Amino acid sequence: MKKISIPNRFYNLKALSILLPTLLLSLNLGTQTAQAAAPANDNFSKAQAISGISGATTGDVAQATVEANEPGVFGEKKTVWYKWTAPYRGYLHFTTLDSPTDGVVRFYKGTSIGALDFVGTVRRVTNTNDWETFLAVKQSEVIYVRVNRETTTKTPSTAYKLSWDLTVAPQNDDFAQAAVISGSSGSILGSNVEATIETNEAHALTLTSSSATVWYKWKSPFTGKATFDFTGSTFTPRYVIYAQSTALTPVKQSWDGSKDVLIVTPNVVANTTYYIQVWGIYPFIDKTKTQGTFALSWSTGGTATRSISGQVYNGSQLPIMGAVVRAGTQSFTTGFDGFYFFSGLPLGSYNVTATVPITGYIAQPQGFTNPVQLGGNAKNINFKAVPAPTPTPT
């Protein structure tokens, strides 16, 4: 039988068909290896900068690792880092949205991976998969945020979403920035909403890292008794009055938990500066009970004074801003919450009236009649905006 000569290229094609699956598998593995690179912010030194009063970011820790000397890993296998610089002093609210139970976000201060100070972690928002925390921060302070995940069959996803917002603290949040009040008598409306506590702040044994304090200072114009009236508060604050010579010395304080507190000091000394600290504890339970607005009035001679307070609202019980309320010779223009107050009022009777900035409407008293008798503090002297009566034709 005659032999048939087969060109060498036939064998080359056959060899290629045998090797092709192996070559494709190698190429696929190479692609997978390239895709398996760790996130750019896998290590502390490469923390991704996030900024602003508010914002959000997303990520995935599927290929993240844990580096040597990372604090508090406790078996966690995948971590990434962010860093945020506070543009102002205030409270930072950080949220992880729709995160599983085996995902944890922790917050640190420091400059190196082996010397970080733990400052907080997120807590679950009731009946949701969202987690949140509140951190008191100072202007220009750097907070490091570590996200870690350990995937399980229950929660196989490694993706996450972070969001943050900063509420700026009151201007008199710090002792050094105490708001000045002056004269033998006067009154102001104050707030400790989103206030913080300073390192080594007075009464630190009583205050916590989440307390909310603000400060006032008053230089006494005389020697004798002084009265400080803290009525009309929307929360339950505490008050401490200090005298300053070379150091702060408590003069008078109130811990009774009442929203309406009248403090008559022991004798104050002329030309001595006194500091008033107003604060509330900020638990995660209900911050509305420990932060809010308050009325502060002062007078000399220890004479008791009282207050009138209330709110102006519309037919849907929504507050009206810009309403003008008058009590005797005094007037008060409501803010966004519709509340007003008059404090430091001598005992007696007062006609309380209001006007609303709505054409065709008048302010109708709710549950009280004039004159208002001030034997004690008069609360809930409210007004509702109602259509003005149609004039009767003559």
Protein backbone atom coordinates (compact mmCIF):
# COMPACT_ATOMS: atom_id res chain seq x y z
CA MET A 1 0.00 0.00 0.00
CA LYS A 2 1.28 3.40 -0.91
CA LYS A 3 2.06 5.63 2.07
CA ILE A 4 0.50 9.06 2.10
CA SER A 5 2.70 11.92 3.16
CA ILE A 6 1.03 14.27 5.70
CA PRO A 7 2.45 17.78 5.93
CA ASN A 8 4.01 18.80 9.27
CA ARG A 9 1.52 21.64 9.59
CA PHE A 10 -1.25 19.02 10.18
CA TYR A 11 0.50 17.87 13.31
CA ASN A 12 0.98 21.50 14.41
CA LEU A 13 -2.76 22.15 14.14
CA LYS A 14 -3.52 18.98 16.05
CA ALA A 15 -1.08 19.92 18.79
CA LEU A 16 -2.62 23.38 18.99
CA SER A 17 -6.11 21.93 19.37
CA ILE A 18 -4.87 19.85 22.29
CA LEU A 19 -3.05 22.73 23.98
CA LEU A 20 -5.73 25.38 23.36
CA PRO A 21 -7.92 24.58 26.43
CA THR A 22 -4.85 24.71 28.65
CA LEU A 23 -3.79 28.04 27.17
CA LEU A 24 -7.27 29.51 27.60
CA LEU A 25 -7.39 28.32 31.22
CA SER A 26 -4.04 29.97 31.91
CA LEU A 27 -5.23 33.21 30.36
CA ASN A 28 -8.43 33.10 32.42
CA LEU A 29 -6.49 32.51 35.63
CA GLY A 30 -4.27 35.42 34.76
CA THR A 31 -7.29 37.65 34.29
CA GLN A 32 -8.74 36.50 37.61
CA THR A 33 -5.43 37.21 39.31
CA ALA A 34 -5.44 40.74 37.90
CA GLN A 35 -8.99 41.26 39.12
CA ALA A 36 -8.10 39.99 42.59
CA ALA A 37 -6.03 43.06 43.44
CA ALA A 38 -6.79 44.50 46.89
CA PRO A 39 -8.67 47.82 47.11
CA ALA A 40 -6.54 50.97 46.94
CA ASN A 41 -7.52 51.80 50.55
CA ASP A 42 -6.78 48.31 51.88
CA ASN A 43 -4.08 49.62 54.25
CA PHE A 44 -4.24 52.35 56.89
CA SER A 45 -1.46 54.34 55.22
CA LYS A 46 -3.54 54.45 52.03
CA ALA A 47 -6.80 55.49 53.70
CA GLN A 48 -9.17 57.08 51.18
CA ALA A 49 -9.94 60.72 51.99
CA ILE A 50 -13.62 61.64 52.34
CA SER A 51 -14.67 65.18 53.12
CA GLY A 52 -17.42 67.70 53.64
CA ILE A 53 -20.22 68.34 56.10
CA SER A 54 -22.15 65.53 54.45
CA GLY A 55 -21.56 62.87 51.84
CA ALA A 56 -21.70 59.20 50.94
CA THR A 57 -19.48 56.54 49.39
CA THR A 58 -19.70 52.88 48.41
CA GLY A 59 -17.19 50.08 48.22
CA ASP A 60 -16.50 46.37 48.29
CA VAL A 61 -14.14 44.45 50.56
CA ALA A 62 -14.14 41.20 48.58
CA GLN A 63 -10.37 41.33 47.99
CA ALA A 64 -9.39 43.36 51.06
CA THR A 65 -6.96 42.05 53.66
CA VAL A 66 -5.98 42.67 57.27
CA GLU A 67 -2.55 44.19 57.80
CA ALA A 68 -0.14 43.55 60.66
CA ASN A 69 -0.86 45.41 63.93
CA GLU A 70 -4.43 46.32 62.94
CA PRO A 71 -6.34 47.00 66.17
CA GLY A 72 -9.30 44.92 67.32
CA VAL A 73 -9.60 42.53 64.38
CA PHE A 74 -11.15 39.64 66.37
CA GLY A 75 -11.20 37.28 63.43
CA GLU A 76 -12.33 39.86 60.90
CA LYS A 77 -10.76 39.08 57.56
CA LYS A 78 -11.44 42.00 55.23
CA THR A 79 -10.85 45.68 56.09
CA VAL A 80 -10.56 48.99 54.24
CA TRP A 81 -9.83 52.48 55.56
CA TYR A 82 -11.16 56.02 55.12
CA LYS A 83 -10.16 59.30 56.74
CA TRP A 84 -12.37 62.34 57.31
CA THR A 85 -11.22 65.78 58.53
CA ALA A 86 -13.76 67.82 60.50
CA PRO A 87 -14.40 71.21 58.84
CA TYR A 88 -16.08 72.46 62.03
CA ARG A 89 -16.64 71.48 65.64
CA GLY A 90 -19.83 69.52 66.21
CA TYR A 91 -21.43 66.07 66.11
CA LEU A 92 -20.60 63.65 63.31
CA HIS A 93 -23.42 61.27 62.40
CA PHE A 94 -22.10 58.23 60.52
CA THR A 95 -24.37 55.58 58.99
CA THR A 96 -23.81 52.25 57.25
CA LEU A 97 -26.86 51.52 55.12
CA ASP A 98 -28.38 48.05 54.82
CA SER A 99 -25.36 46.34 56.37
CA PRO A 100 -25.42 42.73 57.61
CA THR A 101 -24.73 41.78 61.19
CA ASP A 102 -21.20 40.58 60.46
CA GLY A 103 -20.12 43.94 59.08
CA VAL A 104 -18.57 46.37 61.56
CA VAL A 105 -17.45 49.99 61.22
CA ARG A 106 -15.05 51.37 63.83
CA PHE A 107 -13.62 54.85 64.31
CA TYR A 108 -10.10 55.76 65.40
CA LYS A 109 -7.76 58.69 66.01
CA GLY A 110 -4.01 58.50 65.58
CA THR A 111 -1.20 58.62 63.07
CA SER A 112 0.02 55.03 62.71
CA ILE A 113 -1.57 51.59 62.51
CA GLY A 114 0.05 50.43 65.74
CA ALA A 115 -0.89 53.47 67.84
CA LEU A 116 -4.56 54.18 67.17
CA ASP A 117 -7.11 55.24 69.79
CA PHE A 118 -10.55 53.66 69.44
CA VAL A 119 -13.28 56.34 69.66
CA GLY A 120 -16.47 54.56 68.68
CA THR A 121 -18.39 52.03 66.63
CA VAL A 122 -21.77 51.90 64.94
CA ARG A 123 -24.93 50.64 66.64
CA ARG A 124 -27.96 49.09 64.98
CA VAL A 125 -30.90 51.36 64.20
CA THR A 126 -33.98 49.69 65.68
CA ASN A 127 -35.88 47.39 63.29
CA THR A 128 -33.55 48.07 60.35
CA ASN A 129 -30.31 46.80 58.85
CA ASP A 130 -28.83 50.31 59.19
CA TRP A 131 -26.13 51.08 61.74
CA GLU A 132 -25.13 54.50 63.05
CA THR A 133 -22.99 56.40 65.52
CA PHE A 134 -22.57 59.96 66.79
CA LEU A 135 -19.07 61.32 67.47
CA ALA A 136 -18.13 64.65 69.03
CA VAL A 137 -15.40 66.16 66.84
CA LYS A 138 -13.22 69.26 66.94
CA GLN A 139 -12.42 71.47 63.98
CA SER A 140 -9.56 70.02 61.85
CA GLU A 141 -9.63 66.74 63.79
CA VAL A 142 -8.94 63.65 61.65
CA ILE A 143 -11.16 60.60 62.12
CA TYR A 144 -10.15 57.25 60.60
CA VAL A 145 -13.01 54.98 59.56
CA ARG A 146 -12.41 51.24 59.21
CA VAL A 147 -14.91 49.04 57.41
CA ASN A 148 -14.56 45.31 57.84
CA ARG A 149 -16.52 42.29 56.71
CA GLU A 150 -16.26 38.54 57.19
CA THR A 151 -18.53 36.87 54.66
CA THR A 152 -20.72 33.95 55.68
CA THR A 153 -23.31 31.82 53.94
CA LYS A 154 -25.91 33.99 55.68
CA THR A 155 -24.54 37.28 54.38
CA PRO A 156 -22.33 36.55 51.36
CA SER A 157 -22.26 40.14 50.05
CA THR A 158 -19.10 42.16 50.60
CA ALA A 159 -20.44 45.50 49.32
CA TYR A 160 -21.22 48.40 51.65
CA LYS A 161 -22.46 51.99 51.64
CA LEU A 162 -21.38 54.72 54.07
CA SER A 163 -22.94 58.13 54.64
CA TRP A 164 -22.08 60.95 57.02
CA ASP A 165 -23.31 64.37 58.08
CA LEU A 166 -21.98 66.91 60.56
CA THR A 167 -24.15 69.17 62.69
CA VAL A 168 -22.23 72.27 63.71
CA ALA A 169 -22.04 72.99 67.45
CA PRO A 170 -23.25 76.27 69.02
CA GLN A 171 -20.75 79.15 69.01
CA ASN A 172 -20.55 79.07 72.83
CA ASP A 173 -19.86 75.33 72.91
CA ASP A 174 -16.39 75.84 74.42
CA PHE A 175 -15.53 77.53 77.71
CA ALA A 176 -13.15 79.90 75.90
CA GLN A 177 -16.01 81.03 73.65
CA ALA A 178 -18.54 81.62 76.45
CA ALA A 179 -21.32 83.97 75.34
CA VAL A 180 -21.24 87.27 77.24
CA ILE A 181 -24.32 88.42 79.16
CA SER A 182 -24.21 91.71 81.03
CA GLY A 183 -26.05 94.20 83.18
CA SER A 184 -28.09 93.96 86.35
CA SER A 185 -30.90 92.16 84.50
CA GLY A 186 -31.65 90.64 81.12
CA SER A 187 -32.81 87.53 79.29
CA ILE A 188 -31.73 85.41 76.32
CA LEU A 189 -32.82 82.29 74.49
CA GLY A 190 -30.09 79.64 74.32
CA SER A 191 -29.56 76.20 72.84
CA ASN A 192 -27.28 73.23 73.46
CA VAL A 193 -28.40 71.34 70.36
CA GLU A 194 -25.39 69.42 68.97
CA ALA A 195 -23.07 70.90 71.61
CA THR A 196 -20.10 68.82 72.76
CA ILE A 197 -17.87 68.46 75.81
CA GLU A 198 -14.25 69.57 76.03
CA THR A 199 -11.34 67.57 77.40
CA ASN A 200 -11.02 68.20 81.16
CA GLU A 201 -14.23 70.24 81.18
CA ALA A 202 -15.51 71.15 84.64
CA HIS A 203 -17.60 68.43 86.29
CA ALA A 204 -15.97 65.86 84.02
CA LEU A 205 -16.77 63.13 86.56
CA THR A 206 -20.46 63.77 86.02
CA LEU A 207 -20.39 64.55 82.32
CA THR A 208 -19.84 61.88 79.68
CA SER A 209 -18.10 61.98 76.32
CA SER A 210 -21.52 62.48 74.74
CA SER A 211 -22.70 65.32 76.98
CA ALA A 212 -23.77 68.62 75.40
CA THR A 213 -22.56 71.74 77.23
CA VAL A 214 -22.65 75.46 76.44
CA TRP A 215 -21.19 78.38 78.39
CA TYR A 216 -22.10 81.95 79.37
CA LYS A 217 -20.15 84.52 81.37
CA TRP A 218 -21.46 87.44 83.40
CA LYS A 219 -19.53 90.15 85.24
CA SER A 220 -21.45 91.14 88.35
CA PRO A 221 -22.15 94.88 88.58
CA PHE A 222 -22.80 94.73 92.33
CA THR A 223 -22.29 92.78 95.56
CA GLY A 224 -25.30 90.86 96.86
CA LYS A 225 -27.69 88.12 95.76
CA ALA A 226 -28.33 87.39 92.09
CA THR A 227 -31.17 85.40 90.58
CA PHE A 228 -30.85 83.17 87.50
CA ASP A 229 -34.11 81.93 86.02
CA PHE A 230 -33.92 78.92 83.67
CA THR A 231 -37.59 78.51 82.82
CA GLY A 232 -39.07 77.73 79.43
CA SER A 233 -36.70 74.89 78.46
CA THR A 234 -37.71 72.32 75.85
CA PHE A 235 -35.57 69.62 77.50
CA THR A 236 -34.36 68.74 81.00
CA PRO A 237 -30.99 70.46 81.45
CA ARG A 238 -28.56 70.85 84.35
CA TYR A 239 -27.01 74.15 85.38
CA VAL A 240 -23.83 75.07 87.22
CA ILE A 241 -22.66 78.59 88.11
CA TYR A 242 -18.94 79.14 88.72
CA ALA A 243 -16.97 82.07 90.07
CA GLN A 244 -13.56 82.66 88.53
CA SER A 245 -10.64 84.22 90.29
CA THR A 246 -7.67 82.02 89.43
CA ALA A 247 -9.71 78.83 88.96
CA LEU A 248 -13.35 77.86 88.52
CA THR A 249 -15.18 77.46 91.82
CA PRO A 250 -18.77 76.15 91.85
CA VAL A 251 -21.13 78.69 93.45
CA LYS A 252 -24.53 77.16 92.78
CA GLN A 253 -25.86 74.22 90.83
CA SER A 254 -29.12 72.47 89.98
CA TRP A 255 -29.41 68.71 89.51
CA ASP A 256 -33.12 68.28 90.20
CA GLY A 257 -33.99 67.48 86.59
CA SER A 258 -36.64 70.17 86.36
CA LYS A 259 -37.18 72.17 83.17
CA ASP A 260 -38.02 75.24 85.28
CA VAL A 261 -35.28 76.19 87.72
CA LEU A 262 -34.91 79.37 89.74
CA ILE A 263 -31.43 79.80 91.22
CA VAL A 264 -30.71 82.45 93.84
CA THR A 265 -26.96 82.55 94.39
CA PRO A 266 -25.10 83.27 97.59
CA ASN A 267 -23.70 86.79 97.55
CA VAL A 268 -21.97 87.63 94.29
CA VAL A 269 -19.06 90.07 94.36
CA ALA A 270 -18.88 93.22 92.25
CA ASN A 271 -16.54 93.03 89.23
CA THR A 272 -16.16 89.25 89.58
CA THR A 273 -16.77 87.14 86.47
CA TYR A 274 -19.20 84.24 86.81
CA TYR A 275 -19.55 81.40 84.32
CA ILE A 276 -22.82 79.57 83.71
CA GLN A 277 -22.59 76.06 82.31
CA VAL A 278 -25.76 74.56 80.80
CA TRP A 279 -25.69 70.94 79.76
CA GLY A 280 -27.56 67.76 79.11
CA ILE A 281 -26.42 64.15 78.81
CA TYR A 282 -26.65 62.79 75.27
CA PRO A 283 -27.57 59.10 75.52
CA PHE A 284 -28.45 57.04 72.47
CA ILE A 285 -31.92 56.58 73.98
CA ASP A 286 -33.56 59.95 73.24
CA LYS A 287 -31.51 63.07 72.67
CA THR A 288 -34.64 65.27 72.66
CA LYS A 289 -34.66 64.88 76.45
CA THR A 290 -31.14 66.23 76.83
CA GLN A 291 -30.76 68.83 74.08
CA GLY A 292 -32.93 71.74 73.09
CA THR A 293 -33.61 75.41 73.73
CA PHE A 294 -33.79 77.11 77.09
CA ALA A 295 -34.54 80.53 78.51
CA LEU A 296 -31.97 82.23 80.73
CA SER A 297 -32.77 85.43 82.59
CA TRP A 298 -30.86 87.14 85.38
CA SER A 299 -31.48 89.90 87.89
CA THR A 300 -29.76 91.33 90.93
CA GLY A 301 -31.04 91.59 94.46
CA GLY A 302 -32.46 88.06 94.61
CA THR A 303 -35.88 89.19 93.42
CA ALA A 304 -38.04 86.36 92.11
CA THR A 305 -39.15 86.67 88.49
CA ARG A 306 -41.36 84.54 86.28
CA SER A 307 -41.84 83.71 82.61
CA ILE A 308 -44.49 83.44 79.90
CA SER A 309 -43.94 80.97 77.07
CA GLY A 310 -45.86 79.25 74.30
CA GLN A 311 -46.08 78.58 70.58
CA VAL A 312 -47.77 80.03 67.51
CA TYR A 313 -49.03 77.50 64.96
CA ASN A 314 -51.49 77.08 62.08
CA GLY A 315 -54.61 74.95 61.77
CA SER A 316 -52.48 71.86 61.04
CA GLN A 317 -50.49 72.39 64.24
CA LEU A 318 -47.42 73.39 62.21
CA PRO A 319 -45.26 76.17 63.73
CA ILE A 320 -45.36 79.67 62.29
CA MET A 321 -42.10 81.57 61.87
CA GLY A 322 -42.12 85.36 62.07
CA ALA A 323 -45.13 85.77 64.36
CA VAL A 324 -44.79 88.69 66.79
CA VAL A 325 -45.92 88.05 70.37
CA ARG A 326 -46.29 90.84 72.93
CA ALA A 327 -46.51 90.70 76.71
CA GLY A 328 -46.89 94.09 78.31
CA THR A 329 -44.22 96.31 76.79
CA GLN A 330 -42.03 93.41 75.56
CA SER A 331 -42.16 91.66 72.18
CA PHE A 332 -40.74 88.44 70.74
CA THR A 333 -40.54 87.24 67.11
CA THR A 334 -40.87 83.48 66.69
CA GLY A 335 -38.25 81.37 64.94
CA PHE A 336 -38.67 78.28 62.78
CA ASP A 337 -40.13 76.29 65.70
CA GLY A 338 -42.85 78.85 66.41
CA PHE A 339 -41.91 79.11 70.10
CA TYR A 340 -41.59 82.31 72.11
CA PHE A 341 -40.73 83.17 75.68
CA PHE A 342 -40.57 86.11 78.03
CA SER A 343 -38.49 85.64 81.15
CA GLY A 344 -37.41 87.82 84.04
CA LEU A 345 -40.93 89.22 84.38
CA PRO A 346 -41.98 90.67 87.76
CA LEU A 347 -45.03 89.08 89.35
CA GLY A 348 -48.28 90.61 88.11
CA SER A 349 -50.75 90.43 85.21
CA TYR A 350 -49.96 90.71 81.50
CA ASN A 351 -51.96 91.02 78.29
CA VAL A 352 -50.40 88.57 75.83
CA THR A 353 -51.22 89.11 72.14
CA ALA A 354 -49.81 87.94 68.81
CA THR A 355 -49.89 88.77 65.11
CA VAL A 356 -49.08 86.32 62.31
CA PRO A 357 -47.36 87.07 58.97
CA ILE A 358 -50.23 85.59 56.94
CA THR A 359 -52.56 87.91 55.06
CA GLY A 360 -56.18 87.50 56.11
CA TYR A 361 -55.37 85.60 59.33
CA ILE A 362 -55.31 86.53 62.99
CA ALA A 363 -53.72 84.85 66.04
CA GLN A 364 -56.39 83.32 68.25
CA PRO A 365 -55.58 82.51 71.93
CA GLN A 366 -55.75 78.80 72.72
CA GLY A 367 -56.87 77.76 76.20
CA PHE A 368 -56.23 81.04 78.01
CA THR A 369 -57.78 84.46 78.49
CA ASN A 370 -56.17 87.82 79.09
CA PRO A 371 -54.82 89.12 81.31
CA VAL A 372 -52.41 86.31 82.20
CA GLN A 373 -51.73 86.28 85.94
CA LEU A 374 -48.09 85.65 86.87
CA GLY A 375 -48.03 84.08 90.30
CA GLY A 376 -45.88 81.33 88.80
CA ASN A 377 -44.51 80.59 85.35
CA ALA A 378 -47.18 80.74 82.63
CA LYS A 379 -46.73 77.96 80.05
CA ASN A 380 -48.62 76.91 76.93
CA ILE A 381 -49.87 80.42 76.24
CA ASN A 382 -50.42 79.37 72.64
CA PHE A 383 -51.92 80.99 69.57
CA LYS A 384 -53.46 79.47 66.42
CA ALA A 385 -53.69 81.28 63.09
CA VAL A 386 -57.34 81.41 61.96
CA PRO A 387 -59.08 83.33 59.15
CA ALA A 388 -59.91 86.88 60.15
CA PRO A 389 -63.64 87.54 60.63
CA THR A 390 -65.42 88.98 57.63
CA PRO A 391 -66.40 92.60 58.34
CA THR A 392 -70.12 93.08 58.82
CA PRO A 393 -71.59 95.34 56.08
CA THR A 394 -72.86 98.66 57.39
